[in-house]
């Protein structure tokens, strides 16, 4: 099993924000024959929840708890994104993309990103407050992915219809970790 070192993130360029917002949409018609190169993947994961300053991330989190981790499902396996080292840490050397949902396009897209919240990092809140915090933080990351994809001409869709308990068991998540959603990413099918 081998980790994947990602190329250094390119933090400049891209589409102006207002244009990206105008193009932001959910897309399910993803081209299964076109992979996402490592540079684009590196930039995508950094935009989603990378480190952009000392102790700071590209998306906010309640009280800066940074409780969410990105689990990246590729053809080659399941990885955890390590933003400090800009690295994909191998968890399972098995293609589990299709196991992240039941929609027809799931498993054919090159990338499935699962947002996994470690709720044990959220202290001092009621159980309802824990849920509210983790889902708000999920939304911030999800929107970063949407805007990056709009800027780069990628399709993406956030999915809550995910077999969360089954995946949690397969991924050996502890009881405090919950999968909040999975976001599918790929290039759109060519328009005919």
N, C-alpha and C. Protein backbone atom coordinates (compact mmCIF):
# COMPACT_ATOMS: atom_id res chain seq x y z
N UNK A 1 0.85 -1.18 0.00
CA UNK A 1 0.00 0.00 0.00
C UNK A 1 0.89 1.24 0.00
N UNK A 2 0.49 2.22 -0.80
CA UNK A 2 1.35 3.37 -0.96
C UNK A 2 0.55 4.67 -0.90
N UNK A 3 1.10 5.65 -0.18
CA UNK A 3 0.53 6.98 -0.14
C UNK A 3 0.76 7.67 -1.48
N UNK A 4 0.00 8.73 -1.73
CA UNK A 4 0.19 9.52 -2.94
C UNK A 4 0.61 10.92 -2.53
N UNK A 5 1.83 11.30 -2.91
CA UNK A 5 2.28 12.68 -2.69
C UNK A 5 1.65 13.54 -3.77
N UNK A 6 0.98 14.59 -3.36
CA UNK A 6 0.32 15.46 -4.31
C UNK A 6 1.26 16.59 -4.73
N UNK A 7 1.12 17.08 -5.96
CA UNK A 7 1.94 18.21 -6.39
C UNK A 7 1.63 19.45 -5.55
N UNK A 8 2.59 20.36 -5.49
CA UNK A 8 2.38 21.61 -4.77
C UNK A 8 1.15 22.32 -5.33
N UNK A 9 0.33 22.83 -4.44
CA UNK A 9 -0.91 23.48 -4.82
C UNK A 9 -0.62 24.77 -5.58
N UNK A 10 -1.37 24.98 -6.66
CA UNK A 10 -1.32 26.24 -7.39
C UNK A 10 -2.41 27.13 -6.81
N UNK A 11 -2.01 28.19 -6.14
CA UNK A 11 -2.96 29.04 -5.41
C UNK A 11 -3.33 30.31 -6.16
N UNK A 12 -2.98 30.40 -7.39
CA UNK A 12 -3.33 31.57 -8.19
C UNK A 12 -4.10 31.13 -9.41
N UNK A 13 -4.71 32.10 -10.07
CA UNK A 13 -5.44 31.81 -11.31
C UNK A 13 -6.87 31.41 -11.03
N UNK A 14 -7.45 30.72 -11.96
CA UNK A 14 -8.84 30.32 -11.83
C UNK A 14 -9.76 31.42 -12.31
N UNK A 15 -11.00 31.14 -12.24
CA UNK A 15 -12.05 32.03 -12.72
C UNK A 15 -12.38 33.08 -11.67
N UNK A 16 -12.76 34.29 -12.07
CA UNK A 16 -13.23 35.26 -11.08
C UNK A 16 -14.41 34.70 -10.29
N UNK A 17 -14.49 35.06 -9.02
CA UNK A 17 -15.48 34.51 -8.11
C UNK A 17 -16.90 34.65 -8.63
N UNK A 18 -17.29 35.82 -9.12
CA UNK A 18 -18.67 36.03 -9.56
C UNK A 18 -19.01 35.12 -10.74
N UNK A 19 -18.05 34.85 -11.61
CA UNK A 19 -18.28 33.93 -12.73
C UNK A 19 -18.45 32.50 -12.21
N UNK A 20 -17.61 32.11 -11.25
CA UNK A 20 -17.73 30.76 -10.68
C UNK A 20 -19.07 30.58 -9.99
N UNK A 21 -19.52 31.60 -9.26
CA UNK A 21 -20.83 31.50 -8.61
C UNK A 21 -21.93 31.37 -9.64
N UNK A 22 -21.81 32.11 -10.74
CA UNK A 22 -22.86 32.03 -11.77
C UNK A 22 -22.89 30.67 -12.46
N UNK A 23 -21.78 29.96 -12.47
CA UNK A 23 -21.71 28.63 -13.11
C UNK A 23 -21.89 27.48 -12.12
N UNK A 24 -21.94 27.77 -10.82
CA UNK A 24 -22.06 26.72 -9.81
C UNK A 24 -23.37 25.96 -9.99
N UNK A 25 -23.24 24.64 -10.09
CA UNK A 25 -24.42 23.79 -10.24
C UNK A 25 -24.07 22.37 -9.88
N UNK A 26 -25.11 21.55 -9.68
CA UNK A 26 -24.90 20.12 -9.46
C UNK A 26 -24.91 19.43 -10.82
N UNK A 27 -23.94 18.57 -11.04
CA UNK A 27 -23.85 17.83 -12.30
C UNK A 27 -23.65 16.35 -12.04
N UNK A 28 -24.52 15.55 -12.64
CA UNK A 28 -24.44 14.10 -12.47
C UNK A 28 -23.96 13.38 -13.73
N UNK A 29 -23.93 14.08 -14.85
CA UNK A 29 -23.50 13.48 -16.11
C UNK A 29 -21.99 13.62 -16.23
N UNK A 30 -21.30 12.65 -15.64
CA UNK A 30 -19.84 12.70 -15.54
C UNK A 30 -19.22 11.67 -16.48
N UNK A 31 -18.17 12.10 -17.15
CA UNK A 31 -17.47 11.26 -18.12
C UNK A 31 -16.59 10.25 -17.37
N UNK A 32 -16.95 8.95 -17.42
CA UNK A 32 -16.17 7.95 -16.69
C UNK A 32 -14.81 7.65 -17.33
N UNK A 33 -14.60 8.10 -18.57
CA UNK A 33 -13.35 7.79 -19.26
C UNK A 33 -12.26 8.83 -19.03
N UNK A 34 -12.60 9.92 -18.36
CA UNK A 34 -11.63 10.99 -18.17
C UNK A 34 -11.26 11.13 -16.71
N UNK A 35 -10.00 10.81 -16.39
CA UNK A 35 -9.50 10.91 -15.01
C UNK A 35 -9.14 12.35 -14.67
N UNK A 36 -9.05 12.61 -13.39
CA UNK A 36 -8.59 13.90 -12.90
C UNK A 36 -7.11 13.76 -12.57
N UNK A 37 -6.28 14.63 -13.16
CA UNK A 37 -4.84 14.54 -12.93
C UNK A 37 -4.50 14.96 -11.50
N UNK A 38 -3.31 14.59 -11.04
CA UNK A 38 -2.91 14.84 -9.65
C UNK A 38 -2.82 16.32 -9.32
N UNK A 39 -2.43 17.15 -10.28
CA UNK A 39 -2.37 18.59 -9.99
C UNK A 39 -3.76 19.14 -9.71
N UNK A 40 -4.73 18.76 -10.53
CA UNK A 40 -6.10 19.23 -10.32
C UNK A 40 -6.65 18.68 -9.01
N UNK A 41 -6.36 17.42 -8.71
CA UNK A 41 -6.82 16.82 -7.45
C UNK A 41 -6.20 17.54 -6.25
N UNK A 42 -4.92 17.85 -6.33
CA UNK A 42 -4.25 18.58 -5.27
C UNK A 42 -4.91 19.93 -5.04
N UNK A 43 -5.15 20.67 -6.12
CA UNK A 43 -5.79 21.98 -6.02
C UNK A 43 -7.21 21.86 -5.47
N UNK A 44 -7.94 20.85 -5.91
CA UNK A 44 -9.32 20.62 -5.46
C UNK A 44 -9.37 20.37 -3.95
N UNK A 45 -8.53 19.48 -3.46
CA UNK A 45 -8.55 19.14 -2.03
C UNK A 45 -8.10 20.32 -1.18
N UNK A 46 -7.13 21.08 -1.67
CA UNK A 46 -6.71 22.28 -0.95
C UNK A 46 -7.85 23.29 -0.90
N UNK A 47 -8.51 23.50 -2.03
CA UNK A 47 -9.64 24.44 -2.05
C UNK A 47 -10.74 23.97 -1.11
N UNK A 48 -10.96 22.67 -1.04
CA UNK A 48 -12.02 22.12 -0.19
C UNK A 48 -11.74 22.40 1.28
N UNK A 49 -10.57 21.99 1.78
CA UNK A 49 -10.28 22.13 3.21
C UNK A 49 -8.78 22.04 3.48
N UNK A 50 -8.02 22.76 2.66
CA UNK A 50 -6.58 22.79 2.84
C UNK A 50 -6.16 23.86 3.82
N UNK A 51 -4.87 23.99 3.97
CA UNK A 51 -4.31 24.98 4.89
C UNK A 51 -3.89 26.20 4.08
N UNK A 52 -4.45 27.36 4.45
CA UNK A 52 -4.14 28.58 3.71
C UNK A 52 -3.42 29.64 4.55
N UNK A 53 -3.17 29.35 5.81
CA UNK A 53 -2.43 30.25 6.70
C UNK A 53 -2.10 29.46 7.97
N UNK A 54 -1.29 30.01 8.84
CA UNK A 54 -0.93 29.32 10.08
C UNK A 54 -2.20 28.97 10.85
N UNK A 55 -2.39 27.71 11.11
CA UNK A 55 -3.54 27.18 11.84
C UNK A 55 -4.88 27.50 11.19
N UNK A 56 -4.87 27.92 9.94
CA UNK A 56 -6.12 28.27 9.26
C UNK A 56 -6.38 27.38 8.06
N UNK A 57 -7.64 27.23 7.74
CA UNK A 57 -8.06 26.36 6.64
C UNK A 57 -8.84 27.17 5.61
N UNK A 58 -9.05 26.59 4.46
CA UNK A 58 -9.77 27.27 3.38
C UNK A 58 -11.27 27.32 3.62
N UNK A 59 -11.76 26.58 4.60
CA UNK A 59 -13.17 26.62 5.00
C UNK A 59 -13.22 26.79 6.52
N UNK A 60 -14.16 27.56 7.01
CA UNK A 60 -14.25 27.73 8.47
C UNK A 60 -14.78 26.47 9.15
N UNK A 61 -14.53 26.39 10.44
CA UNK A 61 -15.15 25.34 11.26
C UNK A 61 -15.46 25.95 12.62
N UNK A 62 -16.51 25.46 13.24
CA UNK A 62 -16.97 25.99 14.52
C UNK A 62 -15.83 25.97 15.54
N UNK A 63 -15.50 27.14 16.10
CA UNK A 63 -14.43 27.29 17.08
C UNK A 63 -13.09 26.74 16.57
N UNK A 64 -12.92 26.72 15.25
CA UNK A 64 -11.70 26.22 14.60
C UNK A 64 -11.34 24.80 15.06
N UNK A 65 -12.36 23.96 15.25
CA UNK A 65 -12.11 22.59 15.71
C UNK A 65 -11.57 21.69 14.60
N UNK A 66 -11.83 22.06 13.35
CA UNK A 66 -11.33 21.31 12.19
C UNK A 66 -11.63 19.82 12.33
N UNK A 67 -12.87 19.52 12.64
CA UNK A 67 -13.27 18.14 12.94
C UNK A 67 -13.52 17.29 11.70
N UNK A 68 -13.51 17.89 10.52
CA UNK A 68 -13.84 17.13 9.32
C UNK A 68 -12.57 16.70 8.59
N UNK A 69 -12.57 15.44 8.16
CA UNK A 69 -11.50 14.91 7.33
C UNK A 69 -12.10 14.52 5.99
N UNK A 70 -11.29 14.60 4.95
CA UNK A 70 -11.73 14.21 3.62
C UNK A 70 -11.18 12.82 3.31
N UNK A 71 -12.10 11.89 3.04
CA UNK A 71 -11.74 10.55 2.59
C UNK A 71 -11.95 10.55 1.09
N UNK A 72 -10.89 10.25 0.35
CA UNK A 72 -10.90 10.37 -1.11
C UNK A 72 -10.91 8.97 -1.71
N UNK A 73 -11.97 8.67 -2.44
CA UNK A 73 -12.11 7.36 -3.08
C UNK A 73 -11.72 7.49 -4.55
N UNK A 74 -10.69 6.76 -4.93
CA UNK A 74 -10.20 6.72 -6.30
C UNK A 74 -10.22 5.27 -6.78
N UNK A 75 -9.93 5.07 -8.06
CA UNK A 75 -9.82 3.71 -8.59
C UNK A 75 -8.81 2.89 -7.80
N UNK A 76 -7.73 3.54 -7.39
CA UNK A 76 -6.63 2.83 -6.72
C UNK A 76 -6.86 2.55 -5.25
N UNK A 77 -7.91 3.15 -4.66
CA UNK A 77 -8.17 2.88 -3.25
C UNK A 77 -8.85 4.04 -2.54
N UNK A 78 -8.90 3.91 -1.22
CA UNK A 78 -9.49 4.93 -0.35
C UNK A 78 -8.34 5.58 0.43
N UNK A 79 -8.33 6.90 0.42
CA UNK A 79 -7.26 7.67 1.04
C UNK A 79 -7.84 8.72 1.98
N UNK A 80 -7.03 9.13 2.95
CA UNK A 80 -7.38 10.27 3.81
C UNK A 80 -6.46 11.41 3.40
N UNK A 81 -7.07 12.58 3.13
CA UNK A 81 -6.30 13.75 2.75
C UNK A 81 -5.59 14.32 3.96
N UNK A 82 -4.26 14.45 3.86
CA UNK A 82 -3.43 15.06 4.90
C UNK A 82 -3.04 16.45 4.38
N UNK A 83 -3.73 17.51 4.86
CA UNK A 83 -3.46 18.85 4.33
C UNK A 83 -2.12 19.42 4.76
N UNK A 84 -1.58 18.95 5.87
CA UNK A 84 -0.29 19.46 6.35
C UNK A 84 0.82 19.06 5.39
N UNK A 85 0.80 17.81 4.96
CA UNK A 85 1.84 17.30 4.07
C UNK A 85 1.41 17.25 2.61
N UNK A 86 0.17 17.69 2.32
CA UNK A 86 -0.39 17.63 0.97
C UNK A 86 -0.20 16.22 0.39
N UNK A 87 -0.82 15.28 1.09
CA UNK A 87 -0.60 13.87 0.85
C UNK A 87 -1.92 13.12 0.95
N UNK A 88 -2.07 12.10 0.15
CA UNK A 88 -3.19 11.17 0.30
C UNK A 88 -2.64 9.93 1.00
N UNK A 89 -3.12 9.69 2.21
CA UNK A 89 -2.67 8.54 3.01
C UNK A 89 -3.56 7.35 2.70
N UNK A 90 -2.97 6.28 2.22
CA UNK A 90 -3.74 5.10 1.82
C UNK A 90 -4.39 4.44 3.04
N UNK A 91 -5.66 4.17 2.92
CA UNK A 91 -6.40 3.44 3.96
C UNK A 91 -6.74 2.04 3.47
N UNK A 92 -7.20 1.94 2.23
CA UNK A 92 -7.60 0.65 1.66
C UNK A 92 -7.22 0.62 0.19
N UNK A 93 -6.56 -0.44 -0.20
CA UNK A 93 -6.15 -0.60 -1.58
C UNK A 93 -7.25 -1.34 -2.35
N UNK A 94 -8.41 -0.68 -2.44
CA UNK A 94 -9.57 -1.27 -3.08
C UNK A 94 -10.43 -0.14 -3.63
N UNK A 95 -10.94 -0.32 -4.82
CA UNK A 95 -11.83 0.66 -5.42
C UNK A 95 -13.19 0.57 -4.72
N UNK A 96 -13.52 1.56 -3.91
CA UNK A 96 -14.78 1.56 -3.17
C UNK A 96 -15.70 2.70 -3.61
N UNK A 97 -15.41 3.29 -4.77
CA UNK A 97 -16.23 4.42 -5.23
C UNK A 97 -17.71 4.02 -5.35
N UNK A 98 -17.98 2.87 -5.92
CA UNK A 98 -19.37 2.44 -6.12
C UNK A 98 -20.09 2.16 -4.81
N UNK A 99 -19.34 1.92 -3.75
CA UNK A 99 -19.95 1.62 -2.45
C UNK A 99 -20.39 2.88 -1.71
N UNK A 100 -20.14 4.06 -2.29
CA UNK A 100 -20.50 5.31 -1.62
C UNK A 100 -21.92 5.78 -1.95
N UNK A 101 -22.66 5.00 -2.71
CA UNK A 101 -24.03 5.40 -3.03
C UNK A 101 -24.67 4.47 -4.03
N UNK A 102 -25.94 4.74 -4.33
CA UNK A 102 -26.69 3.84 -5.22
C UNK A 102 -27.08 4.49 -6.54
N UNK A 103 -26.81 5.77 -6.71
CA UNK A 103 -27.16 6.42 -7.96
C UNK A 103 -26.31 5.84 -9.10
N UNK A 104 -26.85 5.86 -10.33
CA UNK A 104 -26.15 5.21 -11.45
C UNK A 104 -24.76 5.75 -11.75
N UNK A 105 -24.53 7.03 -11.50
CA UNK A 105 -23.23 7.64 -11.84
C UNK A 105 -22.16 7.37 -10.78
N UNK A 106 -22.57 6.93 -9.59
CA UNK A 106 -21.62 6.69 -8.50
C UNK A 106 -20.77 5.47 -8.86
N UNK A 107 -19.51 5.60 -8.68
CA UNK A 107 -18.60 4.50 -9.00
C UNK A 107 -17.98 4.64 -10.37
N UNK A 108 -18.59 5.46 -11.23
CA UNK A 108 -18.01 5.71 -12.55
C UNK A 108 -17.21 6.99 -12.59
N UNK A 109 -17.58 7.94 -11.72
CA UNK A 109 -16.83 9.19 -11.64
C UNK A 109 -15.44 8.90 -11.09
N UNK A 110 -14.43 9.67 -11.50
CA UNK A 110 -13.07 9.38 -11.03
C UNK A 110 -12.83 9.63 -9.55
N UNK A 111 -13.61 10.53 -8.94
CA UNK A 111 -13.36 10.89 -7.54
C UNK A 111 -14.66 10.97 -6.76
N UNK A 112 -14.65 10.35 -5.59
CA UNK A 112 -15.73 10.49 -4.61
C UNK A 112 -15.05 10.98 -3.33
N UNK A 113 -15.51 12.11 -2.81
CA UNK A 113 -14.93 12.68 -1.59
C UNK A 113 -15.95 12.56 -0.47
N UNK A 114 -15.63 11.76 0.54
CA UNK A 114 -16.50 11.61 1.70
C UNK A 114 -16.04 12.58 2.78
N UNK A 115 -16.98 13.33 3.33
CA UNK A 115 -16.69 14.23 4.44
C UNK A 115 -17.02 13.50 5.73
N UNK A 116 -15.99 13.28 6.53
CA UNK A 116 -16.12 12.50 7.76
C UNK A 116 -15.85 13.42 8.95
N UNK A 117 -16.85 13.55 9.81
CA UNK A 117 -16.74 14.43 10.97
C UNK A 117 -16.43 13.62 12.22
N UNK A 118 -15.41 14.06 12.93
CA UNK A 118 -15.09 13.47 14.24
C UNK A 118 -15.80 14.31 15.29
N UNK A 119 -17.00 13.90 15.65
CA UNK A 119 -17.83 14.69 16.56
C UNK A 119 -17.25 14.75 17.98
N UNK A 120 -16.28 13.89 18.30
CA UNK A 120 -15.67 13.96 19.64
C UNK A 120 -14.83 15.23 19.81
N UNK A 121 -14.50 15.90 18.70
CA UNK A 121 -13.74 17.15 18.77
C UNK A 121 -14.64 18.35 19.07
N UNK A 122 -15.96 18.15 19.01
CA UNK A 122 -16.90 19.24 19.27
C UNK A 122 -17.39 19.10 20.70
N UNK A 123 -16.85 19.93 21.57
CA UNK A 123 -17.20 19.85 22.99
C UNK A 123 -17.96 21.11 23.41
N UNK A 124 -18.64 21.00 24.56
CA UNK A 124 -19.32 22.15 25.11
C UNK A 124 -20.62 22.50 24.42
N UNK A 125 -21.16 21.57 23.65
CA UNK A 125 -22.41 21.81 22.94
C UNK A 125 -23.41 20.72 23.29
N UNK A 126 -24.67 21.02 23.11
CA UNK A 126 -25.72 20.01 23.26
C UNK A 126 -25.60 19.04 22.08
N UNK A 127 -26.22 17.86 22.17
CA UNK A 127 -26.20 16.95 21.01
C UNK A 127 -26.71 17.63 19.74
N UNK A 128 -27.75 18.44 19.86
CA UNK A 128 -28.26 19.17 18.69
C UNK A 128 -27.22 20.17 18.18
N UNK A 129 -26.51 20.81 19.09
CA UNK A 129 -25.47 21.75 18.71
C UNK A 129 -24.32 21.08 17.97
N UNK A 130 -24.00 19.85 18.37
CA UNK A 130 -22.95 19.09 17.69
C UNK A 130 -23.37 18.83 16.23
N UNK A 131 -24.61 18.40 16.05
CA UNK A 131 -25.11 18.14 14.69
C UNK A 131 -25.11 19.42 13.87
N UNK A 132 -25.60 20.50 14.46
CA UNK A 132 -25.65 21.78 13.73
C UNK A 132 -24.25 22.22 13.31
N UNK A 133 -23.28 22.11 14.21
CA UNK A 133 -21.90 22.52 13.89
C UNK A 133 -21.31 21.68 12.77
N UNK A 134 -21.44 20.37 12.89
CA UNK A 134 -20.80 19.51 11.90
C UNK A 134 -21.43 19.66 10.52
N UNK A 135 -22.74 19.86 10.47
CA UNK A 135 -23.37 20.01 9.16
C UNK A 135 -23.13 21.40 8.57
N UNK A 136 -23.00 22.42 9.41
CA UNK A 136 -22.62 23.74 8.90
C UNK A 136 -21.22 23.67 8.31
N UNK A 137 -20.29 23.04 9.04
CA UNK A 137 -18.92 22.91 8.57
C UNK A 137 -18.85 22.09 7.29
N UNK A 138 -19.67 21.05 7.21
CA UNK A 138 -19.75 20.26 5.98
C UNK A 138 -20.17 21.15 4.81
N UNK A 139 -21.15 22.00 5.05
CA UNK A 139 -21.64 22.88 4.00
C UNK A 139 -20.58 23.84 3.48
N UNK A 140 -19.74 24.36 4.38
CA UNK A 140 -18.68 25.27 3.94
C UNK A 140 -17.72 24.55 2.99
N UNK A 141 -17.31 23.35 3.36
CA UNK A 141 -16.38 22.57 2.53
C UNK A 141 -17.03 22.20 1.21
N UNK A 142 -18.27 21.76 1.29
CA UNK A 142 -19.02 21.37 0.10
C UNK A 142 -19.08 22.53 -0.91
N UNK A 143 -19.36 23.72 -0.41
CA UNK A 143 -19.46 24.88 -1.31
C UNK A 143 -18.11 25.22 -1.92
N UNK A 144 -17.02 25.07 -1.16
CA UNK A 144 -15.70 25.28 -1.74
C UNK A 144 -15.47 24.33 -2.92
N UNK A 145 -15.89 23.08 -2.76
CA UNK A 145 -15.73 22.11 -3.84
C UNK A 145 -16.57 22.54 -5.05
N UNK A 146 -17.79 22.95 -4.81
CA UNK A 146 -18.64 23.41 -5.91
C UNK A 146 -18.00 24.58 -6.66
N UNK A 147 -17.48 25.56 -5.94
CA UNK A 147 -16.91 26.73 -6.60
C UNK A 147 -15.62 26.38 -7.35
N UNK A 148 -14.79 25.52 -6.77
CA UNK A 148 -13.59 25.07 -7.47
C UNK A 148 -13.98 24.37 -8.76
N UNK A 149 -14.95 23.47 -8.68
CA UNK A 149 -15.36 22.72 -9.86
C UNK A 149 -15.93 23.64 -10.94
N UNK A 150 -16.70 24.64 -10.55
CA UNK A 150 -17.22 25.60 -11.52
C UNK A 150 -16.07 26.33 -12.20
N UNK A 151 -15.07 26.72 -11.44
CA UNK A 151 -13.92 27.44 -11.97
C UNK A 151 -13.10 26.60 -12.93
N UNK A 152 -13.03 25.29 -12.66
CA UNK A 152 -12.15 24.40 -13.43
C UNK A 152 -12.87 23.60 -14.51
N UNK A 153 -14.17 23.83 -14.68
CA UNK A 153 -14.91 23.09 -15.71
C UNK A 153 -15.21 21.66 -15.33
N UNK A 154 -15.27 21.37 -14.03
CA UNK A 154 -15.58 20.02 -13.54
C UNK A 154 -17.05 19.95 -13.14
N UNK A 155 -17.59 18.75 -13.15
CA UNK A 155 -18.94 18.50 -12.63
C UNK A 155 -18.82 17.96 -11.22
N UNK A 156 -19.79 18.31 -10.39
CA UNK A 156 -19.83 17.79 -9.03
C UNK A 156 -21.26 17.76 -8.53
N UNK A 157 -21.52 16.86 -7.62
CA UNK A 157 -22.81 16.82 -6.94
C UNK A 157 -22.57 16.29 -5.53
N UNK A 158 -23.17 16.98 -4.56
CA UNK A 158 -23.11 16.54 -3.16
C UNK A 158 -24.25 15.56 -2.93
N UNK A 159 -23.94 14.46 -2.24
CA UNK A 159 -24.94 13.41 -2.05
C UNK A 159 -25.05 13.03 -0.57
N UNK A 160 -26.29 13.04 -0.10
CA UNK A 160 -26.56 12.59 1.27
C UNK A 160 -27.10 11.16 1.26
N UNK A 161 -27.53 10.68 0.09
CA UNK A 161 -28.01 9.31 -0.05
C UNK A 161 -26.79 8.39 -0.14
N UNK A 162 -26.27 8.07 1.05
CA UNK A 162 -25.02 7.33 1.19
C UNK A 162 -25.23 6.26 2.25
N UNK A 163 -24.75 5.03 2.04
CA UNK A 163 -24.86 4.00 3.09
C UNK A 163 -23.84 4.27 4.20
N UNK A 164 -24.14 5.27 5.01
CA UNK A 164 -23.17 5.80 5.97
C UNK A 164 -22.70 4.77 6.99
N UNK A 165 -23.62 4.01 7.57
CA UNK A 165 -23.23 3.04 8.60
C UNK A 165 -22.39 1.91 8.00
N UNK A 166 -22.77 1.46 6.80
CA UNK A 166 -22.00 0.39 6.14
C UNK A 166 -20.58 0.86 5.83
N UNK A 167 -20.46 2.08 5.27
CA UNK A 167 -19.13 2.61 4.97
C UNK A 167 -18.32 2.83 6.25
N UNK A 168 -18.96 3.35 7.28
CA UNK A 168 -18.26 3.59 8.55
C UNK A 168 -17.67 2.29 9.08
N UNK A 169 -18.42 1.19 8.97
CA UNK A 169 -17.92 -0.11 9.43
C UNK A 169 -16.76 -0.58 8.55
N UNK A 170 -16.90 -0.44 7.24
CA UNK A 170 -15.84 -0.88 6.32
C UNK A 170 -14.57 -0.06 6.50
N UNK A 171 -14.73 1.22 6.83
CA UNK A 171 -13.58 2.11 6.98
C UNK A 171 -13.06 2.15 8.42
N UNK A 172 -13.62 1.32 9.29
CA UNK A 172 -13.19 1.23 10.69
C UNK A 172 -13.25 2.58 11.41
N UNK A 173 -14.31 3.34 11.13
CA UNK A 173 -14.48 4.61 11.83
C UNK A 173 -14.90 4.35 13.26
N UNK A 174 -14.46 5.20 14.20
CA UNK A 174 -14.88 5.02 15.58
C UNK A 174 -16.29 5.61 15.75
N UNK A 175 -17.00 5.26 16.83
CA UNK A 175 -18.39 5.67 16.98
C UNK A 175 -18.63 7.18 16.92
N UNK A 176 -17.64 7.98 17.23
CA UNK A 176 -17.81 9.43 17.17
C UNK A 176 -17.64 10.02 15.78
N UNK A 177 -17.20 9.20 14.82
CA UNK A 177 -17.01 9.68 13.45
C UNK A 177 -18.27 9.39 12.63
N UNK A 178 -18.74 10.41 11.93
CA UNK A 178 -19.90 10.22 11.06
C UNK A 178 -19.60 10.75 9.66
N UNK A 179 -20.09 10.04 8.68
CA UNK A 179 -20.00 10.49 7.30
C UNK A 179 -21.18 11.42 7.08
N UNK A 180 -20.90 12.68 6.76
CA UNK A 180 -21.99 13.64 6.59
C UNK A 180 -22.53 13.65 5.16
N UNK A 181 -21.64 13.58 4.19
CA UNK A 181 -22.06 13.46 2.79
C UNK A 181 -20.88 13.02 1.96
N UNK A 182 -21.17 12.69 0.71
CA UNK A 182 -20.13 12.35 -0.26
C UNK A 182 -20.34 13.25 -1.46
N UNK A 183 -19.24 13.77 -2.00
CA UNK A 183 -19.32 14.63 -3.17
C UNK A 183 -18.61 13.95 -4.33
N UNK A 184 -19.36 13.78 -5.41
CA UNK A 184 -18.85 13.17 -6.64
C UNK A 184 -18.22 14.25 -7.50
N UNK A 185 -17.04 13.94 -8.08
CA UNK A 185 -16.34 14.93 -8.91
C UNK A 185 -15.79 14.24 -10.16
N UNK A 186 -15.93 14.92 -11.29
CA UNK A 186 -15.37 14.44 -12.54
C UNK A 186 -15.58 15.46 -13.63
N UNK A 187 -15.13 15.12 -14.81
CA UNK A 187 -15.36 16.00 -15.97
C UNK A 187 -16.74 15.71 -16.55
N UNK A 188 -17.41 16.73 -17.05
CA UNK A 188 -18.74 16.49 -17.62
C UNK A 188 -18.64 15.70 -18.92
N UNK A 189 -19.70 14.97 -19.23
CA UNK A 189 -19.77 14.29 -20.52
C UNK A 189 -19.78 15.33 -21.63
N UNK A 190 -19.13 15.02 -22.76
CA UNK A 190 -19.16 15.97 -23.87
C UNK A 190 -20.61 16.17 -24.33
N UNK A 191 -20.94 17.40 -24.61
CA UNK A 191 -22.30 17.68 -25.10
C UNK A 191 -22.36 17.37 -26.57
N UNK A 192 -23.41 16.62 -26.95
CA UNK A 192 -23.53 16.21 -28.35
C UNK A 192 -24.43 17.07 -29.04
